[in-house]
Amino acid sequence: MPGSNFVDYVKICCRSGHGGAGSAHLHRDKFTATGGPDGGDGGRGGHIILKGTTQIWTLLHLKYRKHVIAEDGLPGGSSLRTGKTGKDEILEVPLGTIAKDAETGEVLFEITKDGEEKVLTPGGRGGQGNWHFKSPTVQTPRFAQSGEPGREEWIVLELKVLADVGLVGFPNAGKSTLLSVVSAAKPEIADYPFTTIVPNLGIVAYRGARSFVMADIPGIIEGASGGKGLGLRFLRHIERNAVLLFMVPADTSRTIREEYAILLNELEIHNPGLKYKPRLLAVTKSDMLDDELTQEMRAHLPEGIPCIFISSVAQKGIQELKDKLWELIYQVSD
């Protein structure tokens, strides 16, 4: 999918349907001239509903749909007939979509399962017909309830990519190359920064019929948590990954320990909870290292994180990497 087609933020105006009015009808037929109340209830106004689906992974289809309007409920009728319920508006969204109140920023809910439905903007309730109000003292009420008005509100839908493994690293760390090697994904690859400007997802085949989802997140730079580079726009995608794979190239101008510390610091500033996620460090482009240089670099690796030397081009350490990632994913699922 072209990068321009990836949309992870939309703001829409939602207007649910008004409830139908209750009926104040009094029963009449050729045998009854002064019958009692038989007015039916009004129909409920249509809801606006979000429904999760695995068939889409972007909010592109909602980008230009600024107003979503549900049908009004119809009024009640005679003979206790309830008015028709207004048609609901169902918006399909990718898994990982969060709904927020646009004015307050309050998170309303999130969609994480295929087929999951949640009411975003409820429709107004239908008014009660006059038969609800009959009593020994008021036997023929000539009034009924009006329908409840629908709601109109601005809603923000924000997508956070769901994946088992999220790739974290500076631009040109080899994230896209790894994803293209271990999956069928075809991200853009080049030798200039910010080749990846949208998250790319790939399904990684593992031993037997098993598999897991890997997400290539656009590269982080120092100061990303403060909005530099692609900044906060894509840091949020890292929050939804079960395991974080930090990637540092062997030819980095800094030490591997320094580069890893900067990456980890940017994540913790953005969301302190990220430091508790399982993580693994991969030193990429290691095909340019001989055994002596590899051993020397191992002595200066960051503490508290397992490390694997890999080369996507030379297929070095790839199976070991997948084994370790599967182990970490399995620990999270337990």
Protein backbone atom coordinates (compact mmCIF):
# COMPACT_ATOMS: atom_id res chain seq x y z
CA MET A 1 0.00 0.00 0.00
CA PRO A 2 1.45 3.39 -0.90
CA GLY A 3 2.61 5.47 2.01
CA SER A 4 0.13 8.25 1.25
CA ASN A 5 -2.72 5.81 1.78
CA PHE A 6 -1.82 5.12 5.40
CA VAL A 7 -4.07 7.23 7.62
CA ASP A 8 -3.92 6.75 11.39
CA TYR A 9 -5.83 9.85 12.58
CA VAL A 10 -9.23 11.21 11.61
CA LYS A 11 -11.64 13.68 13.20
CA ILE A 12 -15.32 13.19 12.39
CA CYS A 13 -18.61 14.76 13.42
CA CYS A 14 -21.05 12.10 14.61
CA ARG A 15 -24.78 12.79 14.81
CA SER A 16 -27.00 10.02 16.09
CA GLY A 17 -30.68 9.74 15.29
CA HIS A 18 -33.48 11.41 17.28
CA GLY A 19 -35.90 9.13 19.06
CA GLY A 20 -39.42 8.99 17.62
CA ALA A 21 -42.29 10.55 19.57
CA GLY A 22 -44.74 8.37 21.45
CA SER A 23 -48.32 8.31 20.20
CA ALA A 24 -51.24 9.85 22.14
CA HIS A 25 -53.84 7.85 20.17
CA LEU A 26 -57.13 6.72 21.77
CA HIS A 27 -58.67 3.50 20.59
CA ARG A 28 -61.56 3.94 18.18
CA ASP A 29 -63.43 1.52 15.94
CA LYS A 30 -66.99 1.01 14.77
CA PHE A 31 -67.89 -0.68 18.04
CA THR A 32 -65.94 1.63 20.35
CA ALA A 33 -66.53 5.36 20.45
CA THR A 34 -64.62 6.17 23.63
CA GLY A 35 -61.84 3.64 23.96
CA GLY A 36 -58.78 3.87 26.14
CA PRO A 37 -55.24 4.88 25.22
CA ASP A 38 -53.44 2.65 22.71
CA GLY A 39 -50.61 4.91 21.53
CA GLY A 40 -47.36 3.02 20.85
CA ASP A 41 -43.83 4.01 21.75
CA GLY A 42 -41.54 5.90 19.39
CA GLY A 43 -38.61 4.10 17.80
CA ARG A 44 -35.05 4.54 19.01
CA GLY A 45 -32.79 6.82 17.01
CA GLY A 46 -29.96 5.17 15.12
CA HIS A 47 -26.63 4.59 16.87
CA ILE A 48 -23.21 5.26 15.37
CA ILE A 49 -21.20 2.10 15.96
CA LEU A 50 -17.55 1.15 15.50
CA LYS A 51 -16.85 -2.39 14.34
CA GLY A 52 -13.41 -3.98 14.31
CA THR A 53 -12.23 -5.84 11.21
CA THR A 54 -8.99 -7.48 10.15
CA GLN A 55 -9.71 -6.66 6.50
CA ILE A 56 -8.43 -3.08 6.75
CA TRP A 57 -5.45 -1.57 8.56
CA THR A 58 -5.87 2.15 7.93
CA LEU A 59 -8.49 4.85 8.51
CA LEU A 60 -8.21 6.07 4.92
CA HIS A 61 -11.89 5.30 4.16
CA LEU A 62 -12.94 7.80 6.86
CA LYS A 63 -10.49 10.56 5.97
CA TYR A 64 -12.93 12.49 3.77
CA ARG A 65 -16.12 11.48 5.54
CA LYS A 66 -16.37 14.38 7.96
CA HIS A 67 -20.03 13.89 8.95
CA VAL A 68 -21.63 10.61 9.94
CA ILE A 69 -25.39 10.84 10.44
CA ALA A 70 -27.69 8.06 11.66
CA GLU A 71 -31.42 7.84 10.92
CA ASP A 72 -34.11 9.17 13.24
CA GLY A 73 -36.57 6.80 14.87
CA LEU A 74 -40.19 6.95 13.66
CA PRO A 75 -43.13 7.92 15.90
CA GLY A 76 -45.35 5.31 17.52
CA GLY A 77 -48.72 4.43 16.09
CA SER A 78 -52.15 3.25 17.17
CA SER A 79 -52.87 -0.22 18.51
CA LEU A 80 -49.66 -0.06 20.57
CA ARG A 81 -47.50 -0.14 17.45
CA THR A 82 -43.89 0.85 18.17
CA GLY A 83 -42.22 3.17 15.69
CA LYS A 84 -39.42 1.85 13.50
CA THR A 85 -35.89 2.07 14.95
CA GLY A 86 -33.58 4.40 13.05
CA LYS A 87 -30.92 2.64 10.99
CA ASP A 88 -27.56 2.41 12.76
CA GLU A 89 -24.43 3.70 11.04
CA ILE A 90 -21.68 1.07 11.38
CA LEU A 91 -18.14 2.25 10.74
CA GLU A 92 -15.60 -0.51 10.16
CA VAL A 93 -12.19 0.27 11.64
CA PRO A 94 -8.89 -1.62 11.90
CA LEU A 95 -7.93 -3.35 15.11
CA GLY A 96 -6.08 -1.02 17.44
CA THR A 97 -8.40 1.95 16.82
CA ILE A 98 -8.99 4.24 19.81
CA ALA A 99 -12.00 6.58 20.03
CA LYS A 100 -11.54 9.88 21.86
CA ASP A 101 -13.70 12.88 22.68
CA ALA A 102 -12.29 15.63 20.45
CA GLU A 103 -12.93 18.39 22.99
CA THR A 104 -11.68 16.78 26.20
CA GLY A 105 -9.27 14.20 24.81
CA GLU A 106 -10.93 11.54 26.98
CA VAL A 107 -10.44 8.00 25.70
CA LEU A 108 -13.87 6.45 25.21
CA PHE A 109 -12.86 2.92 24.24
CA GLU A 110 -10.66 0.92 21.90
CA ILE A 111 -11.34 -1.79 19.35
CA THR A 112 -8.99 -4.77 19.58
CA LYS A 113 -10.93 -7.80 18.29
CA ASP A 114 -12.27 -8.80 14.90
CA GLY A 115 -16.05 -8.35 14.82
CA GLU A 116 -16.10 -6.35 18.07
CA GLU A 117 -18.80 -3.67 18.07
CA LYS A 118 -19.09 -0.68 20.40
CA VAL A 119 -21.56 2.19 20.36
CA LEU A 120 -19.71 5.43 19.65
CA THR A 121 -22.65 7.87 19.70
CA PRO A 122 -25.94 6.46 21.03
CA GLY A 123 -29.23 7.37 19.40
CA GLY A 124 -32.02 9.08 21.33
CA ARG A 125 -34.58 6.90 23.09
CA GLY A 126 -38.08 6.76 21.68
CA GLY A 127 -40.84 8.51 23.64
CA GLN A 128 -43.41 6.46 25.53
CA GLY A 129 -46.94 6.22 24.17
CA ASN A 130 -49.92 7.41 26.18
CA TRP A 131 -50.85 3.92 27.38
CA HIS A 132 -47.91 4.12 29.79
CA PHE A 133 -49.60 7.03 31.57
CA LYS A 134 -53.06 5.62 32.18
CA SER A 135 -54.10 5.34 35.82
CA PRO A 136 -57.30 5.03 37.86
CA THR A 137 -57.53 8.80 37.98
CA VAL A 138 -56.37 9.48 34.40
CA GLN A 139 -57.99 6.79 32.30
CA THR A 140 -57.65 8.50 28.91
CA PRO A 141 -54.37 10.44 28.87
CA ARG A 142 -54.20 12.59 25.78
CA PHE A 143 -50.45 13.14 25.96
CA ALA A 144 -47.30 11.13 25.26
CA GLN A 145 -43.56 11.56 25.56
CA SER A 146 -41.47 13.28 22.95
CA GLY A 147 -38.52 11.34 21.61
CA GLU A 148 -35.11 11.97 23.12
CA PRO A 149 -32.88 14.05 20.84
CA GLY A 150 -29.82 12.44 19.32
CA ARG A 151 -26.30 13.56 20.10
CA GLU A 152 -23.92 15.53 17.93
CA GLU A 153 -20.23 15.43 18.84
CA TRP A 154 -16.78 15.54 17.33
CA ILE A 155 -14.84 12.33 17.72
CA VAL A 156 -11.18 11.56 17.09
CA LEU A 157 -10.27 8.10 15.85
CA GLU A 158 -6.64 7.22 16.35
CA LEU A 159 -4.98 4.04 15.16
CA LYS A 160 -2.21 2.32 17.07
CA VAL A 161 -0.81 -0.56 15.05
CA LEU A 162 -1.22 -3.95 16.74
CA ALA A 163 1.72 -6.33 16.27
CA ASP A 164 3.61 -9.00 18.18
CA VAL A 165 7.01 -7.44 17.49
CA GLY A 166 7.79 -3.76 16.91
CA LEU A 167 11.10 -2.74 15.33
CA VAL A 168 12.73 0.21 17.09
CA GLY A 169 15.79 2.00 15.77
CA PHE A 170 17.26 5.08 14.19
CA PRO A 171 16.75 5.68 10.45
CA ASN A 172 18.79 3.28 8.28
CA ALA A 173 19.21 0.75 11.09
CA GLY A 174 18.09 -2.06 8.76
CA LYS A 175 14.50 -2.41 10.02
CA SER A 176 12.85 -2.46 6.59
CA THR A 177 15.48 -4.83 5.22
CA LEU A 178 14.86 -7.29 8.05
CA LEU A 179 11.08 -7.14 7.53
CA SER A 180 11.49 -7.79 3.80
CA VAL A 181 13.71 -10.82 4.50
CA VAL A 182 11.61 -12.54 7.18
CA SER A 183 8.17 -11.81 5.67
CA ALA A 184 6.44 -11.16 2.36
CA ALA A 185 6.18 -7.43 3.11
CA LYS A 186 7.82 -5.13 0.56
CA PRO A 187 8.68 -1.89 2.37
CA GLU A 188 10.62 0.83 0.56
CA ILE A 189 14.35 0.43 1.17
CA ALA A 190 17.02 3.04 0.43
CA ASP A 191 20.23 4.47 1.91
CA TYR A 192 18.73 7.77 3.05
CA PRO A 193 16.99 8.63 6.35
CA PHE A 194 13.22 8.27 6.80
CA THR A 195 12.69 5.90 3.88
CA THR A 196 9.93 4.42 6.03
CA ILE A 197 7.33 7.09 6.79
CA VAL A 198 4.42 4.81 7.68
CA PRO A 199 4.32 1.58 9.72
CA ASN A 200 4.65 -1.58 7.63
CA LEU A 201 3.30 -4.93 8.81
CA GLY A 202 4.57 -8.37 7.85
CA ILE A 203 3.65 -11.90 8.89
CA VAL A 204 6.75 -13.85 9.86
CA ALA A 205 6.55 -17.60 9.28
CA TYR A 206 8.00 -19.58 12.16
CA ARG A 207 8.72 -23.27 12.68
CA GLY A 208 5.84 -25.47 11.54
CA ALA A 209 2.61 -23.60 10.84
CA ARG A 210 3.22 -20.91 13.45
CA SER A 211 3.65 -17.23 12.67
CA PHE A 212 3.76 -13.80 14.28
CA VAL A 213 3.23 -10.21 13.14
CA MET A 214 6.16 -7.79 12.89
CA ALA A 215 5.78 -4.01 12.51
CA ASP A 216 8.43 -1.77 10.97
CA ILE A 217 7.98 1.59 12.73
CA PRO A 218 9.42 4.76 11.12
CA GLY A 219 12.86 5.59 12.48
CA ILE A 220 13.28 7.48 15.74
CA ILE A 221 15.76 10.32 16.20
CA GLU A 222 17.05 11.88 19.38
CA GLY A 223 14.34 14.29 20.55
CA ALA A 224 11.49 12.35 18.91
CA SER A 225 9.53 12.37 22.17
CA GLY A 226 9.56 16.17 21.93
CA GLY A 227 8.22 16.14 18.38
CA LYS A 228 11.43 16.07 16.32
CA GLY A 229 11.57 14.05 13.12
CA LEU A 230 8.39 12.02 12.76
CA GLY A 231 8.04 12.49 16.52
CA LEU A 232 4.95 11.59 18.49
CA ARG A 233 2.96 10.63 15.40
CA PHE A 234 4.57 7.19 15.23
CA LEU A 235 5.89 6.67 18.75
CA ARG A 236 2.34 5.73 19.73
CA HIS A 237 2.44 2.71 17.40
CA ILE A 238 5.21 1.22 19.51
CA GLU A 239 2.88 1.16 22.54
CA ARG A 240 0.74 -1.63 21.07
CA ASN A 241 3.52 -4.13 20.30
CA ALA A 242 3.99 -7.05 22.66
CA VAL A 243 7.78 -7.26 22.20
CA LEU A 244 10.23 -4.53 21.17
CA LEU A 245 13.19 -5.40 18.95
CA PHE A 246 15.82 -2.66 19.22
CA MET A 247 18.05 -2.52 16.15
CA VAL A 248 21.47 -0.85 16.10
CA PRO A 249 23.80 -1.13 13.08
CA ALA A 250 27.32 -2.42 13.61
CA ASP A 251 28.73 0.62 11.78
CA THR A 252 27.07 3.16 14.07
CA SER A 253 29.06 6.33 14.74
CA ARG A 254 28.26 5.95 18.45
CA THR A 255 28.74 2.90 20.62
CA ILE A 256 25.95 0.34 20.63
CA ARG A 257 25.39 1.04 24.31
CA GLU A 258 24.99 4.79 23.68
CA GLU A 259 22.61 4.30 20.76
CA TYR A 260 20.46 1.83 22.68
CA ALA A 261 20.32 4.19 25.69
CA ILE A 262 19.09 7.07 23.47
CA LEU A 263 16.38 4.92 21.90
CA LEU A 264 15.22 3.61 25.27
CA ASN A 265 15.19 7.12 26.75
CA GLU A 266 12.97 8.46 23.94
CA LEU A 267 10.48 5.64 24.51
CA GLU A 268 10.40 6.13 28.27
CA ILE A 269 9.85 9.88 27.95
CA HIS A 270 6.94 9.23 25.58
CA ASN A 271 5.43 6.47 27.75
CA PRO A 272 7.16 5.29 30.95
CA GLY A 273 5.28 1.99 30.73
CA LEU A 274 7.28 0.98 27.66
CA LYS A 275 10.32 0.17 29.80
CA TYR A 276 8.44 -2.85 31.15
CA LYS A 277 7.87 -4.42 27.74
CA PRO A 278 10.00 -7.46 26.84
CA ARG A 279 12.80 -6.37 24.55
CA LEU A 280 15.67 -7.74 22.52
CA LEU A 281 18.68 -6.03 20.92
CA ALA A 282 19.82 -6.93 17.41
CA VAL A 283 23.14 -5.63 16.08
CA THR A 284 22.51 -5.38 12.33
CA LYS A 285 24.91 -5.41 9.35
CA SER A 286 27.18 -7.76 11.33
CA ASP A 287 28.35 -9.52 8.16
CA MET A 288 31.05 -6.83 8.00
CA LEU A 289 32.46 -7.97 11.37
CA ASP A 290 35.03 -10.72 11.86
CA ASP A 291 35.00 -12.94 14.94
CA GLU A 292 37.62 -10.89 16.78
CA LEU A 293 35.72 -7.62 16.30
CA THR A 294 32.43 -9.29 17.26
CA GLN A 295 33.90 -10.51 20.56
CA GLU A 296 35.32 -7.07 21.25
CA MET A 297 31.91 -5.46 20.68
CA ARG A 298 30.19 -8.03 22.92
CA ALA A 299 32.24 -6.75 25.85
CA HIS A 300 30.67 -3.30 25.46
CA LEU A 301 27.00 -4.22 24.96
CA PRO A 302 24.30 -2.68 27.18
CA GLU A 303 23.39 -4.62 30.28
CA GLY A 304 20.00 -6.10 31.06
CA ILE A 305 18.98 -6.96 27.49
CA PRO A 306 19.76 -10.07 25.43
CA CYS A 307 21.64 -9.34 22.20
CA ILE A 308 21.95 -11.12 18.84
CA PHE A 309 24.29 -10.23 15.97
CA ILE A 310 22.45 -10.48 12.67
CA SER A 311 22.76 -9.69 8.97
CA SER A 312 19.57 -9.61 6.93
CA VAL A 313 21.48 -9.65 3.63
CA ALA A 314 23.71 -12.58 4.59
CA GLN A 315 20.91 -14.36 6.51
CA LYS A 316 23.20 -14.43 9.55
CA GLY A 317 21.50 -15.05 12.91
CA ILE A 318 17.99 -14.76 11.44
CA GLN A 319 16.69 -18.11 12.70
CA GLU A 320 18.21 -17.48 16.14
CA LEU A 321 16.49 -14.10 16.15
CA LYS A 322 13.10 -15.63 15.31
CA ASP A 323 13.55 -18.28 18.00
CA LYS A 324 14.25 -15.64 20.64
CA LEU A 325 11.37 -13.43 19.51
CA TRP A 326 8.96 -16.38 19.62
CA GLU A 327 10.14 -17.19 23.14
CA LEU A 328 9.47 -13.61 24.27
CA ILE A 329 6.05 -13.50 22.56
CA TYR A 330 5.09 -16.78 24.19
CA GLN A 331 6.10 -15.41 27.61
CA VAL A 332 3.86 -12.35 27.06
CA SER A 333 0.89 -14.49 25.97
CA ASP A 334 1.23 -16.57 29.14
